[in-house]
Amino acid sequence: MWWILRRPWRRLNYHAARAMFVRANKLLGWNWTLHDLRHTATFRITQDPELSMAYVQHILGHKYQTTLQKYINPSTDEVVEAGLAHHARQEHKRSQSSPPPSAPAYNPESLGILFGGTLA
């Protein structure tokens, strides 16, 4: 939160922040708005893989998640990297998992004969 510089000390409200942007724009010859700041913040928080889009939607007060689609534009390299990482995780899971144990009611020797090998 930003605070005003004069007493009584209080948070910078919307109107004061807008006035600050107007003064800065006039001084610097820019044309920035508080809404531009909101777009920048939205773009940055949608890039966080740890933050669910449902949370981003709630934070921004959007009715539909589809409103966030314009902020989600991964590069080709990011898509390829994510796909390769997914396949590596799947392969790791397969290599770490052991076959399921046989049901206790069945004789493992009989299952081995039936399925053509020993079962653990």
PDB file of N, CA and C in Angstrom:
ATOM      1  N   MET A   1       0.827  -1.190   0.000  1.00  0.00           N
ATOM      2  CA  MET A   1       0.000   0.000   0.000  1.00  0.00           C
ATOM      3  C   MET A   1       0.870   1.253   0.000  1.00  0.00           C
ATOM      4  N   TRP A   2       0.428   2.218  -0.699  1.00  0.00           N
ATOM      5  CA  TRP A   2       1.097   3.510  -0.681  1.00  0.00           C
ATOM      6  C   TRP A   2       0.400   4.391   0.334  1.00  0.00           C
ATOM      7  N   TRP A   3       1.174   5.292   0.945  1.00  0.00           N
ATOM      8  CA  TRP A   3       0.645   6.207   1.952  1.00  0.00           C
ATOM      9  C   TRP A   3       0.840   7.631   1.460  1.00  0.00           C
ATOM     10  N   ILE A   4      -0.070   8.509   1.861  1.00  0.00           N
ATOM     11  CA  ILE A   4       0.077   9.913   1.475  1.00  0.00           C
ATOM     12  C   ILE A   4       1.204  10.534   2.280  1.00  0.00           C
ATOM     13  N   LEU A   5       1.751  11.642   1.786  1.00  0.00           N
ATOM     14  CA  LEU A   5       2.903  12.271   2.422  1.00  0.00           C
ATOM     15  C   LEU A   5       2.519  13.359   3.426  1.00  0.00           C
ATOM     16  N   ARG A   6       1.237  13.682   3.507  1.00  0.00           N
ATOM     17  CA  ARG A   6       0.800  14.741   4.432  1.00  0.00           C
ATOM     18  C   ARG A   6      -0.022  14.162   5.565  1.00  0.00           C
ATOM     19  N   ARG A   7      -0.078  14.911   6.667  1.00  0.00           N
ATOM     20  CA  ARG A   7      -0.909  14.490   7.792  1.00  0.00           C
ATOM     21  C   ARG A   7      -2.361  14.826   7.506  1.00  0.00           C
ATOM     22  N   PRO A   8      -3.285  14.086   7.987  1.00  0.00           N
ATOM     23  CA  PRO A   8      -3.123  12.858   8.764  1.00  0.00           C
ATOM     24  C   PRO A   8      -2.690  11.720   7.848  1.00  0.00           C
ATOM     25  N   TRP A   9      -1.742  10.880   8.330  1.00  0.00           N
ATOM     26  CA  TRP A   9      -1.237   9.767   7.546  1.00  0.00           C
ATOM     27  C   TRP A   9      -2.379   8.795   7.255  1.00  0.00           C
ATOM     28  N   ARG A  10      -2.529   8.439   6.028  1.00  0.00           N
ATOM     29  CA  ARG A  10      -3.550   7.465   5.640  1.00  0.00           C
ATOM     30  C   ARG A  10      -3.156   6.837   4.309  1.00  0.00           C
ATOM     31  N   ARG A  11      -3.849   5.764   3.990  1.00  0.00           N
ATOM     32  CA  ARG A  11      -3.570   5.089   2.720  1.00  0.00           C
ATOM     33  C   ARG A  11      -3.936   5.986   1.547  1.00  0.00           C
ATOM     34  N   LEU A  12      -3.219   5.778   0.475  1.00  0.00           N
ATOM     35  CA  LEU A  12      -3.506   6.501  -0.754  1.00  0.00           C
ATOM     36  C   LEU A  12      -4.755   5.903  -1.371  1.00  0.00           C
ATOM     37  N   ASN A  13      -5.831   6.680  -1.472  1.00  0.00           N
ATOM     38  CA  ASN A  13      -7.068   6.152  -2.051  1.00  0.00           C
ATOM     39  C   ASN A  13      -7.026   6.282  -3.579  1.00  0.00           C
ATOM     40  N   TYR A  14      -8.058   5.779  -4.223  1.00  0.00           N
ATOM     41  CA  TYR A  14      -8.095   5.766  -5.682  1.00  0.00           C
ATOM     42  C   TYR A  14      -7.933   7.175  -6.268  1.00  0.00           C
ATOM     43  N   HIS A  15      -8.674   8.130  -5.738  1.00  0.00           N
ATOM     44  CA  HIS A  15      -8.653   9.488  -6.304  1.00  0.00           C
ATOM     45  C   HIS A  15      -7.282  10.146  -6.136  1.00  0.00           C
ATOM     46  N   ALA A  16      -6.648   9.906  -5.005  1.00  0.00           N
ATOM     47  CA  ALA A  16      -5.311  10.472  -4.787  1.00  0.00           C
ATOM     48  C   ALA A  16      -4.289   9.797  -5.712  1.00  0.00           C
ATOM     49  N   ALA A  17      -4.407   8.491  -5.890  1.00  0.00           N
ATOM     50  CA  ALA A  17      -3.491   7.781  -6.790  1.00  0.00           C
ATOM     51  C   ALA A  17      -3.679   8.261  -8.236  1.00  0.00           C
ATOM     52  N   ARG A  18      -4.921   8.470  -8.622  1.00  0.00           N
ATOM     53  CA  ARG A  18      -5.196   8.967  -9.971  1.00  0.00           C
ATOM     54  C   ARG A  18      -4.599  10.363 -10.158  1.00  0.00           C
ATOM     55  N   ALA A  19      -4.754  11.202  -9.148  1.00  0.00           N
ATOM     56  CA  ALA A  19      -4.177  12.562  -9.220  1.00  0.00           C
ATOM     57  C   ALA A  19      -2.654  12.485  -9.340  1.00  0.00           C
ATOM     58  N   MET A  20      -2.052  11.540  -8.622  1.00  0.00           N
ATOM     59  CA  MET A  20      -0.604  11.364  -8.697  1.00  0.00           C
ATOM     60  C   MET A  20      -0.200  10.971 -10.125  1.00  0.00           C
ATOM     61  N   PHE A  21      -0.954  10.058 -10.746  1.00  0.00           N
ATOM     62  CA  PHE A  21      -0.657   9.651 -12.117  1.00  0.00           C
ATOM     63  C   PHE A  21      -0.826  10.824 -13.083  1.00  0.00           C
ATOM     64  N   VAL A  22      -1.850  11.617 -12.883  1.00  0.00           N
ATOM     65  CA  VAL A  22      -2.077  12.776 -13.759  1.00  0.00           C
ATOM     66  C   VAL A  22      -0.892  13.734 -13.673  1.00  0.00           C
ATOM     67  N   ARG A  23      -0.434  14.024 -12.442  1.00  0.00           N
ATOM     68  CA  ARG A  23       0.721  14.925 -12.273  1.00  0.00           C
ATOM     69  C   ARG A  23       1.986  14.350 -12.903  1.00  0.00           C
ATOM     70  N   ALA A  24       2.239  13.056 -12.671  1.00  0.00           N
ATOM     71  CA  ALA A  24       3.440  12.422 -13.231  1.00  0.00           C
ATOM     72  C   ALA A  24       3.371  12.391 -14.757  1.00  0.00           C
ATOM     73  N   ASN A  25       2.212  12.067 -15.306  1.00  0.00           N
ATOM     74  CA  ASN A  25       2.051  12.047 -16.766  1.00  0.00           C
ATOM     75  C   ASN A  25       2.304  13.413 -17.372  1.00  0.00           C
ATOM     76  N   LYS A  26       1.801  14.440 -16.718  1.00  0.00           N
ATOM     77  CA  LYS A  26       1.981  15.815 -17.219  1.00  0.00           C
ATOM     78  C   LYS A  26       3.454  16.199 -17.186  1.00  0.00           C
ATOM     79  N   LEU A  27       4.115  15.853 -16.093  1.00  0.00           N
ATOM     80  CA  LEU A  27       5.527  16.194 -15.926  1.00  0.00           C
ATOM     81  C   LEU A  27       6.418  15.429 -16.911  1.00  0.00           C
ATOM     82  N   LEU A  28       6.115  14.152 -17.123  1.00  0.00           N
ATOM     83  CA  LEU A  28       6.971  13.300 -17.937  1.00  0.00           C
ATOM     84  C   LEU A  28       6.505  13.159 -19.384  1.00  0.00           C
ATOM     85  N   GLY A  29       5.310  13.665 -19.691  1.00  0.00           N
ATOM     86  CA  GLY A  29       4.788  13.548 -21.045  1.00  0.00           C
ATOM     87  C   GLY A  29       4.298  12.144 -21.372  1.00  0.00           C
ATOM     88  N   TRP A  30       3.854  11.422 -20.376  1.00  0.00           N
ATOM     89  CA  TRP A  30       3.360  10.062 -20.558  1.00  0.00           C
ATOM     90  C   TRP A  30       1.850  10.045 -20.563  1.00  0.00           C
ATOM     91  N   ASN A  31       1.293   8.854 -20.766  1.00  0.00           N
ATOM     92  CA  ASN A  31      -0.149   8.707 -20.762  1.00  0.00           C
ATOM     93  C   ASN A  31      -0.541   7.411 -20.038  1.00  0.00           C
ATOM     94  N   TRP A  32      -0.002   7.193 -18.847  1.00  0.00           N
ATOM     95  CA  TRP A  32      -0.278   5.990 -18.072  1.00  0.00           C
ATOM     96  C   TRP A  32      -1.496   6.193 -17.189  1.00  0.00           C
ATOM     97  N   THR A  33      -2.216   5.083 -16.926  1.00  0.00           N
ATOM     98  CA  THR A  33      -3.381   5.151 -16.043  1.00  0.00           C
ATOM     99  C   THR A  33      -3.256   4.070 -14.974  1.00  0.00           C
ATOM    100  N   LEU A  34      -4.105   4.147 -13.969  1.00  0.00           N
ATOM    101  CA  LEU A  34      -4.138   3.096 -12.959  1.00  0.00           C
ATOM    102  C   LEU A  34      -4.568   1.776 -13.586  1.00  0.00           C
ATOM    103  N   HIS A  35      -5.387   1.841 -14.607  1.00  0.00           N
ATOM    104  CA  HIS A  35      -5.821   0.622 -15.275  1.00  0.00           C
ATOM    105  C   HIS A  35      -4.646  -0.050 -15.995  1.00  0.00           C
ATOM    106  N   ASP A  36      -3.718   0.747 -16.530  1.00  0.00           N
ATOM    107  CA  ASP A  36      -2.501   0.189 -17.121  1.00  0.00           C
ATOM    108  C   ASP A  36      -1.706  -0.572 -16.069  1.00  0.00           C
ATOM    109  N   LEU A  37      -1.663  -0.032 -14.879  1.00  0.00           N
ATOM    110  CA  LEU A  37      -0.975  -0.689 -13.764  1.00  0.00           C
ATOM    111  C   LEU A  37      -1.655  -2.022 -13.439  1.00  0.00           C
ATOM    112  N   ARG A  38      -2.961  -2.045 -13.487  1.00  0.00           N
ATOM    113  CA  ARG A  38      -3.723  -3.271 -13.239  1.00  0.00           C
ATOM    114  C   ARG A  38      -3.405  -4.329 -14.299  1.00  0.00           C
ATOM    115  N   HIS A  39      -3.314  -3.920 -15.570  1.00  0.00           N
ATOM    116  CA  HIS A  39      -2.969  -4.858 -16.634  1.00  0.00           C
ATOM    117  C   HIS A  39      -1.568  -5.437 -16.423  1.00  0.00           C
ATOM    118  N   THR A  40      -0.624  -4.596 -16.038  1.00  0.00           N
ATOM    119  CA  THR A  40       0.740  -5.064 -15.790  1.00  0.00           C
ATOM    120  C   THR A  40       0.755  -6.068 -14.646  1.00  0.00           C
ATOM    121  N   ALA A  41       0.054  -5.763 -13.564  1.00  0.00           N
ATOM    122  CA  ALA A  41      -0.002  -6.682 -12.425  1.00  0.00           C
ATOM    123  C   ALA A  41      -0.660  -8.001 -12.828  1.00  0.00           C
ATOM    124  N   THR A  42      -1.714  -7.927 -13.609  1.00  0.00           N
ATOM    125  CA  THR A  42      -2.409  -9.140 -14.056  1.00  0.00           C
ATOM    126  C   THR A  42      -1.490 -10.008 -14.898  1.00  0.00           C
ATOM    127  N   PHE A  43      -0.766  -9.389 -15.821  1.00  0.00           N
ATOM    128  CA  PHE A  43       0.167 -10.155 -16.651  1.00  0.00           C
ATOM    129  C   PHE A  43       1.194 -10.863 -15.779  1.00  0.00           C
ATOM    130  N   ARG A  44       1.720 -10.170 -14.790  1.00  0.00           N
ATOM    131  CA  ARG A  44       2.757 -10.764 -13.943  1.00  0.00           C
ATOM    132  C   ARG A  44       2.227 -11.895 -13.066  1.00  0.00           C
ATOM    133  N   ILE A  45       1.045 -11.737 -12.490  1.00  0.00           N
ATOM    134  CA  ILE A  45       0.561 -12.804 -11.610  1.00  0.00           C
ATOM    135  C   ILE A  45       0.086 -14.020 -12.401  1.00  0.00           C
ATOM    136  N   THR A  46      -0.313 -13.826 -13.660  1.00  0.00           N
ATOM    137  CA  THR A  46      -0.699 -14.996 -14.458  1.00  0.00           C
ATOM    138  C   THR A  46       0.523 -15.804 -14.886  1.00  0.00           C
ATOM    139  N   GLN A  47       1.711 -15.243 -14.777  1.00  0.00           N
ATOM    140  CA  GLN A  47       2.933 -15.961 -15.128  1.00  0.00           C
ATOM    141  C   GLN A  47       3.412 -16.861 -13.994  1.00  0.00           C
ATOM    142  N   ASP A  48       2.824 -16.750 -12.804  1.00  0.00           N
ATOM    143  CA  ASP A  48       3.232 -17.544 -11.648  1.00  0.00           C
ATOM    144  C   ASP A  48       2.584 -18.924 -11.718  1.00  0.00           C
ATOM    145  N   PRO A  49       3.380 -19.988 -11.943  1.00  0.00           N
ATOM    146  CA  PRO A  49       2.783 -21.323 -12.062  1.00  0.00           C
ATOM    147  C   PRO A  49       2.206 -21.841 -10.747  1.00  0.00           C
ATOM    148  N   GLU A  50       2.571 -21.242  -9.632  1.00  0.00           N
ATOM    149  CA  GLU A  50       2.075 -21.680  -8.330  1.00  0.00           C
ATOM    150  C   GLU A  50       0.704 -21.079  -7.997  1.00  0.00           C
ATOM    151  N   LEU A  51       0.252 -20.114  -8.786  1.00  0.00           N
ATOM    152  CA  LEU A  51      -0.996 -19.421  -8.498  1.00  0.00           C
ATOM    153  C   LEU A  51      -2.086 -19.885  -9.460  1.00  0.00           C
ATOM    154  N   SER A  52      -3.144 -20.449  -8.917  1.00  0.00           N
ATOM    155  CA  SER A  52      -4.252 -20.954  -9.715  1.00  0.00           C
ATOM    156  C   SER A  52      -4.970 -19.802 -10.423  1.00  0.00           C
ATOM    157  N   MET A  53      -5.420 -20.076 -11.654  1.00  0.00           N
ATOM    158  CA  MET A  53      -6.173 -19.066 -12.385  1.00  0.00           C
ATOM    159  C   MET A  53      -7.485 -18.726 -11.675  1.00  0.00           C
ATOM    160  N   ALA A  54      -8.023 -19.669 -10.916  1.00  0.00           N
ATOM    161  CA  ALA A  54      -9.233 -19.384 -10.144  1.00  0.00           C
ATOM    162  C   ALA A  54      -8.941 -18.305  -9.094  1.00  0.00           C
ATOM    163  N   TYR A  55      -7.748 -18.357  -8.500  1.00  0.00           N
ATOM    164  CA  TYR A  55      -7.377 -17.328  -7.515  1.00  0.00           C
ATOM    165  C   TYR A  55      -7.162 -15.979  -8.195  1.00  0.00           C
ATOM    166  N   VAL A  56      -6.514 -15.998  -9.357  1.00  0.00           N
ATOM    167  CA  VAL A  56      -6.289 -14.748 -10.101  1.00  0.00           C
ATOM    168  C   VAL A  56      -7.639 -14.126 -10.456  1.00  0.00           C
ATOM    169  N   GLN A  57      -8.561 -14.960 -10.910  1.00  0.00           N
ATOM    170  CA  GLN A  57      -9.907 -14.479 -11.250  1.00  0.00           C
ATOM    171  C   GLN A  57     -10.546 -13.820 -10.036  1.00  0.00           C
ATOM    172  N   HIS A  58     -10.419 -14.447  -8.886  1.00  0.00           N
ATOM    173  CA  HIS A  58     -11.020 -13.905  -7.662  1.00  0.00           C
ATOM    174  C   HIS A  58     -10.349 -12.592  -7.245  1.00  0.00           C
ATOM    175  N   ILE A  59      -9.022 -12.564  -7.309  1.00  0.00           N
ATOM    176  CA  ILE A  59      -8.273 -11.350  -6.935  1.00  0.00           C
ATOM    177  C   ILE A  59      -8.699 -10.165  -7.788  1.00  0.00           C
ATOM    178  N   LEU A  60      -8.867 -10.409  -9.086  1.00  0.00           N
ATOM    179  CA  LEU A  60      -9.197  -9.325 -10.016  1.00  0.00           C
ATOM    180  C   LEU A  60     -10.683  -9.011 -10.063  1.00  0.00           C
ATOM    181  N   GLY A  61     -11.497  -9.913  -9.516  1.00  0.00           N
ATOM    182  CA  GLY A  61     -12.930  -9.677  -9.518  1.00  0.00           C
ATOM    183  C   GLY A  61     -13.572  -9.930 -10.872  1.00  0.00           C
ATOM    184  N   HIS A  62     -12.965 -10.801 -11.683  1.00  0.00           N
ATOM    185  CA  HIS A  62     -13.544 -11.115 -12.985  1.00  0.00           C
ATOM    186  C   HIS A  62     -14.633 -12.166 -12.829  1.00  0.00           C
ATOM    187  N   LYS A  63     -15.683 -12.028 -13.603  1.00  0.00           N
ATOM    188  CA  LYS A  63     -16.784 -12.973 -13.541  1.00  0.00           C
ATOM    189  C   LYS A  63     -16.415 -14.296 -14.210  1.00  0.00           C
ATOM    190  N   TYR A  64     -15.643 -14.228 -15.308  1.00  0.00           N
ATOM    191  CA  TYR A  64     -15.289 -15.415 -16.070  1.00  0.00           C
ATOM    192  C   TYR A  64     -13.773 -15.547 -16.184  1.00  0.00           C
ATOM    193  N   GLN A  65     -13.293 -16.792 -16.116  1.00  0.00           N
ATOM    194  CA  GLN A  65     -11.859 -17.029 -16.290  1.00  0.00           C
ATOM    195  C   GLN A  65     -11.410 -16.725 -17.714  1.00  0.00           C
ATOM    196  N   THR A  66     -12.320 -16.810 -18.656  1.00  0.00           N
ATOM    197  CA  THR A  66     -11.949 -16.545 -20.048  1.00  0.00           C
ATOM    198  C   THR A  66     -11.438 -15.116 -20.232  1.00  0.00           C
ATOM    199  N   THR A  67     -11.789 -14.228 -19.323  1.00  0.00           N
ATOM    200  CA  THR A  67     -11.290 -12.855 -19.385  1.00  0.00           C
ATOM    201  C   THR A  67      -9.770 -12.820 -19.248  1.00  0.00           C
ATOM    202  N   LEU A  68      -9.204 -13.818 -18.579  1.00  0.00           N
ATOM    203  CA  LEU A  68      -7.759 -13.855 -18.344  1.00  0.00           C
ATOM    204  C   LEU A  68      -6.981 -14.409 -19.535  1.00  0.00           C
ATOM    205  N   GLN A  69      -7.669 -14.950 -20.530  1.00  0.00           N
ATOM    206  CA  GLN A  69      -6.985 -15.604 -21.642  1.00  0.00           C
ATOM    207  C   GLN A  69      -6.010 -14.689 -22.372  1.00  0.00           C
ATOM    208  N   LYS A  70      -6.315 -13.415 -22.462  1.00  0.00           N
ATOM    209  CA  LYS A  70      -5.421 -12.526 -23.209  1.00  0.00           C
ATOM    210  C   LYS A  70      -4.084 -12.313 -22.507  1.00  0.00           C
ATOM    211  N   TYR A  71      -3.991 -12.691 -21.218  1.00  0.00           N
ATOM    212  CA  TYR A  71      -2.744 -12.542 -20.477  1.00  0.00           C
ATOM    213  C   TYR A  71      -1.890 -13.805 -20.529  1.00  0.00           C
ATOM    214  N   ILE A  72      -2.452 -14.884 -21.045  1.00  0.00           N
ATOM    215  CA  ILE A  72      -1.757 -16.172 -21.031  1.00  0.00           C
ATOM    216  C   ILE A  72      -1.283 -16.485 -22.446  1.00  0.00           C
ATOM    217  N   ASN A  73      -0.067 -16.099 -22.743  1.00  0.00           N
ATOM    218  CA  ASN A  73       0.511 -16.306 -24.072  1.00  0.00           C
ATOM    219  C   ASN A  73       1.896 -16.921 -23.931  1.00  0.00           C
ATOM    220  N   PRO A  74       1.979 -18.233 -23.717  1.00  0.00           N
ATOM    221  CA  PRO A  74       3.297 -18.841 -23.563  1.00  0.00           C
ATOM    222  C   PRO A  74       4.043 -18.857 -24.890  1.00  0.00           C
ATOM    223  N   SER A  75       5.361 -18.761 -24.794  1.00  0.00           N
ATOM    224  CA  SER A  75       6.174 -18.854 -26.008  1.00  0.00           C
ATOM    225  C   SER A  75       6.272 -20.316 -26.435  1.00  0.00           C
ATOM    226  N   THR A  76       6.703 -20.540 -27.661  1.00  0.00           N
ATOM    227  CA  THR A  76       6.860 -21.900 -28.160  1.00  0.00           C
ATOM    228  C   THR A  76       7.858 -22.674 -27.301  1.00  0.00           C
ATOM    229  N   ASP A  77       8.936 -22.016 -26.903  1.00  0.00           N
ATOM    230  CA  ASP A  77       9.940 -22.673 -26.057  1.00  0.00           C
ATOM    231  C   ASP A  77       9.348 -23.098 -24.714  1.00  0.00           C
ATOM    232  N   GLU A  78       8.501 -22.252 -24.126  1.00  0.00           N
ATOM    233  CA  GLU A  78       7.871 -22.602 -22.851  1.00  0.00           C
ATOM    234  C   GLU A  78       6.950 -23.805 -23.001  1.00  0.00           C
ATOM    235  N   VAL A  79       6.210 -23.863 -24.099  1.00  0.00           N
ATOM    236  CA  VAL A  79       5.288 -24.975 -24.335  1.00  0.00           C
ATOM    237  C   VAL A  79       6.077 -26.276 -24.515  1.00  0.00           C
ATOM    238  N   VAL A  80       7.145 -26.234 -25.311  1.00  0.00           N
ATOM    239  CA  VAL A  80       7.961 -27.423 -25.528  1.00  0.00           C
ATOM    240  C   VAL A  80       8.604 -27.873 -24.220  1.00  0.00           C
ATOM    241  N   GLU A  81       9.142 -26.923 -23.466  1.00  0.00           N
ATOM    242  CA  GLU A  81       9.777 -27.243 -22.185  1.00  0.00           C
ATOM    243  C   GLU A  81       8.775 -27.876 -21.213  1.00  0.00           C
ATOM    244  N   ALA A  82       7.573 -27.342 -21.146  1.00  0.00           N
ATOM    245  CA  ALA A  82       6.544 -27.892 -20.258  1.00  0.00           C
ATOM    246  C   ALA A  82       6.139 -29.292 -20.705  1.00  0.00           C
ATOM    247  N   GLY A  83       6.022 -29.508 -22.005  1.00  0.00           N
ATOM    248  CA  GLY A  83       5.674 -30.826 -22.516  1.00  0.00           C
ATOM    249  C   GLY A  83       6.755 -31.854 -22.202  1.00  0.00           C
ATOM    250  N   LEU A  84       8.017 -31.490 -22.403  1.00  0.00           N
ATOM    251  CA  LEU A  84       9.113 -32.406 -22.091  1.00  0.00           C
ATOM    252  C   LEU A  84       9.172 -32.705 -20.588  1.00  0.00           C
ATOM    253  N   ALA A  85       8.943 -31.693 -19.773  1.00  0.00           N
ATOM    254  CA  ALA A  85       8.944 -31.899 -18.316  1.00  0.00           C
ATOM    255  C   ALA A  85       7.818 -32.839 -17.907  1.00  0.00           C
ATOM    256  N   HIS A  86       6.658 -32.704 -18.532  1.00  0.00           N
ATOM    257  CA  HIS A  86       5.530 -33.589 -18.239  1.00  0.00           C
ATOM    258  C   HIS A  86       5.901 -35.038 -18.552  1.00  0.00           C
ATOM    259  N   HIS A  87       6.470 -35.265 -19.741  1.00  0.00           N
ATOM    260  CA  HIS A  87       6.832 -36.624 -20.126  1.00  0.00           C
ATOM    261  C   HIS A  87       7.921 -37.183 -19.218  1.00  0.00           C
ATOM    262  N   ALA A  88       8.857 -36.346 -18.787  1.00  0.00           N
ATOM    263  CA  ALA A  88       9.902 -36.803 -17.861  1.00  0.00           C
ATOM    264  C   ALA A  88       9.291 -37.211 -16.522  1.00  0.00           C
ATOM    265  N   ARG A  89       8.310 -36.460 -16.034  1.00  0.00           N
ATOM    266  CA  ARG A  89       7.638 -36.820 -14.770  1.00  0.00           C
ATOM    267  C   ARG A  89       6.886 -38.135 -14.914  1.00  0.00           C
ATOM    268  N   GLN A  90       6.216 -38.324 -16.044  1.00  0.00           N
ATOM    269  CA  GLN A  90       5.480 -39.563 -16.267  1.00  0.00           C
ATOM    270  C   GLN A  90       6.424 -40.759 -16.327  1.00  0.00           C
ATOM    271  N   GLU A  91       7.548 -40.601 -17.001  1.00  0.00           N
ATOM    272  CA  GLU A  91       8.531 -41.676 -17.089  1.00  0.00           C
ATOM    273  C   GLU A  91       9.117 -41.990 -15.716  1.00  0.00           C
ATOM    274  N   HIS A  92       9.371 -40.959 -14.942  1.00  0.00           N
ATOM    275  CA  HIS A  92       9.898 -41.150 -13.581  1.00  0.00           C
ATOM    276  C   HIS A  92       8.891 -41.922 -12.727  1.00  0.00           C
ATOM    277  N   LYS A  93       7.610 -41.587 -12.838  1.00  0.00           N
ATOM    278  CA  LYS A  93       6.571 -42.304 -12.092  1.00  0.00           C
ATOM    279  C   LYS A  93       6.537 -43.778 -12.484  1.00  0.00           C
ATOM    280  N   ARG A  94       6.628 -44.031 -13.801  1.00  0.00           N
ATOM    281  CA  ARG A  94       6.593 -45.417 -14.275  1.00  0.00           C
ATOM    282  C   ARG A  94       7.797 -46.201 -13.767  1.00  0.00           C
ATOM    283  N   SER A  95       8.961 -45.579 -13.766  1.00  0.00           N
ATOM    284  CA  SER A  95      10.169 -46.289 -13.335  1.00  0.00           C
ATOM    285  C   SER A  95      10.192 -46.511 -11.828  1.00  0.00           C
ATOM    286  N   GLN A  96       9.518 -45.666 -11.063  1.00  0.00           N
ATOM    287  CA  GLN A  96       9.519 -45.790  -9.605  1.00  0.00           C
ATOM    288  C   GLN A  96       8.434 -46.718  -9.078  1.00  0.00           C
ATOM    289  N   SER A  97       7.405 -46.940  -9.858  1.00  0.00           N
ATOM    290  CA  SER A  97       6.290 -47.734  -9.349  1.00  0.00           C
ATOM    291  C   SER A  97       6.577 -49.221  -9.495  1.00  0.00           C
ATOM    292  N   SER A  98       6.120 -49.972  -8.527  1.00  0.00           N
ATOM    293  CA  SER A  98       6.267 -51.424  -8.577  1.00  0.00           C
ATOM    294  C   SER A  98       4.927 -52.018  -8.983  1.00  0.00           C
ATOM    295  N   PRO A  99       4.936 -53.239  -9.514  1.00  0.00           N
ATOM    296  CA  PRO A  99       3.655 -53.826  -9.919  1.00  0.00           C
ATOM    297  C   PRO A  99       2.757 -54.029  -8.709  1.00  0.00           C
ATOM    298  N   PRO A 100       1.478 -53.931  -8.901  1.00  0.00           N
ATOM    299  CA  PRO A 100       0.565 -54.086  -7.770  1.00  0.00           C
ATOM    300  C   PRO A 100       0.650 -55.509  -7.199  1.00  0.00           C
ATOM    301  N   PRO A 101       0.514 -55.641  -5.895  1.00  0.00           N
ATOM    302  CA  PRO A 101       0.576 -56.985  -5.307  1.00  0.00           C
ATOM    303  C   PRO A 101      -0.631 -57.802  -5.737  1.00  0.00           C
ATOM    304  N   SER A 102      -0.425 -59.114  -5.790  1.00  0.00           N
ATOM    305  CA  SER A 102      -1.539 -59.980  -6.166  1.00  0.00           C
ATOM    306  C   SER A 102      -2.548 -60.018  -5.021  1.00  0.00           C
ATOM    307  N   ALA A 103      -3.762 -60.313  -5.376  1.00  0.00           N
ATOM    308  CA  ALA A 103      -4.818 -60.382  -4.366  1.00  0.00           C
ATOM    309  C   ALA A 103      -4.519 -61.521  -3.396  1.00  0.00           C
ATOM    310  N   PRO A 104      -4.743 -61.346  -2.106  1.00  0.00           N
ATOM    311  CA  PRO A 104      -4.379 -62.368  -1.125  1.00  0.00           C
ATOM    312  C   PRO A 104      -5.133 -63.684  -1.293  1.00  0.00           C
ATOM    313  N   ALA A 105      -6.258 -63.681  -1.959  1.00  0.00           N
ATOM    314  CA  ALA A 105      -7.036 -64.911  -2.103  1.00  0.00           C
ATOM    315  C   ALA A 105      -6.488 -65.824  -3.191  1.00  0.00           C
ATOM    316  N   TYR A 106      -5.543 -65.309  -4.022  1.00  0.00           N
ATOM    317  CA  TYR A 106      -5.022 -66.107  -5.121  1.00  0.00           C
ATOM    318  C   TYR A 106      -3.644 -66.644  -4.782  1.00  0.00           C
ATOM    319  N   ASN A 107      -3.355 -67.823  -5.287  1.00  0.00           N
ATOM    320  CA  ASN A 107      -2.047 -68.431  -5.130  1.00  0.00           C
ATOM    321  C   ASN A 107      -1.102 -67.793  -6.146  1.00  0.00           C
ATOM    322  N   PRO A 108       0.011 -67.158  -5.689  1.00  0.00           N
ATOM    323  CA  PRO A 108       0.933 -66.498  -6.624  1.00  0.00           C
ATOM    324  C   PRO A 108       1.495 -67.442  -7.678  1.00  0.00           C
ATOM    325  N   GLU A 109       1.716 -68.718  -7.333  1.00  0.00           N
ATOM    326  CA  GLU A 109       2.231 -69.677  -8.327  1.00  0.00           C
ATOM    327  C   GLU A 109       1.212 -69.879  -9.450  1.00  0.00           C
ATOM    328  N   SER A 110      -0.043 -69.993  -9.079  1.00  0.00           N
ATOM    329  CA  SER A 110      -1.092 -70.183 -10.093  1.00  0.00           C
ATOM    330  C   SER A 110      -1.197 -68.965 -11.001  1.00  0.00           C
ATOM    331  N   LEU A 111      -1.103 -67.764 -10.400  1.00  0.00           N
ATOM    332  CA  LEU A 111      -1.154 -66.542 -11.214  1.00  0.00           C
ATOM    333  C   LEU A 111       0.039 -66.468 -12.142  1.00  0.00           C
ATOM    334  N   GLY A 112       1.214 -66.897 -11.648  1.00  0.00           N
ATOM    335  CA  GLY A 112       2.410 -66.907 -12.485  1.00  0.00           C
ATOM    336  C   GLY A 112       2.257 -67.801 -13.685  1.00  0.00           C
ATOM    337  N   ILE A 113       1.667 -68.970 -13.472  1.00  0.00           N
ATOM    338  CA  ILE A 113       1.449 -69.904 -14.582  1.00  0.00           C
ATOM    339  C   ILE A 113       0.419 -69.333 -15.559  1.00  0.00           C
ATOM    340  N   LEU A 114      -0.654 -68.756 -14.972  1.00  0.00           N
ATOM    341  CA  LEU A 114      -1.728 -68.222 -15.786  1.00  0.00           C
ATOM    342  C   LEU A 114      -1.278 -67.051 -16.656  1.00  0.00           C
ATOM    343  N   PHE A 115      -0.467 -66.146 -16.064  1.00  0.00           N
ATOM    344  CA  PHE A 115      -0.048 -64.933 -16.774  1.00  0.00           C
ATOM    345  C   PHE A 115       1.355 -65.029 -17.352  1.00  0.00           C
ATOM    346  N   GLY A 116       1.986 -66.205 -17.243  1.00  0.00           N
ATOM    347  CA  GLY A 116       3.284 -66.393 -17.898  1.00  0.00           C
ATOM    348  C   GLY A 116       4.451 -65.731 -17.206  1.00  0.00           C
ATOM    349  N   GLY A 117       4.569 -65.778 -15.930  1.00  0.00           N
ATOM    350  CA  GLY A 117       5.708 -65.222 -15.219  1.00  0.00           C
ATOM    351  C   GLY A 117       5.429 -65.132 -13.745  1.00  0.00           C
ATOM    352  N   THR A 118       6.419 -64.713 -13.001  1.00  0.00           N
ATOM    353  CA  THR A 118       6.229 -64.593 -11.556  1.00  0.00           C
ATOM    354  C   THR A 118       5.675 -63.201 -11.252  1.00  0.00           C
ATOM    355  N   LEU A 119       4.813 -63.169 -10.282  1.00  0.00           N
ATOM    356  CA  LEU A 119       4.258 -61.888  -9.848  1.00  0.00           C
ATOM    357  C   LEU A 119       4.765 -61.582  -8.453  1.00  0.00           C
ATOM    358  N   ALA A 120       5.120 -60.350  -8.227  1.00  0.00           N
ATOM    359  CA  ALA A 120       5.615 -59.984  -6.893  1.00  0.00           C
ATOM    360  C   ALA A 120       4.483 -59.641  -5.971  1.00  0.00           C
TER     361      ALA A 120
END
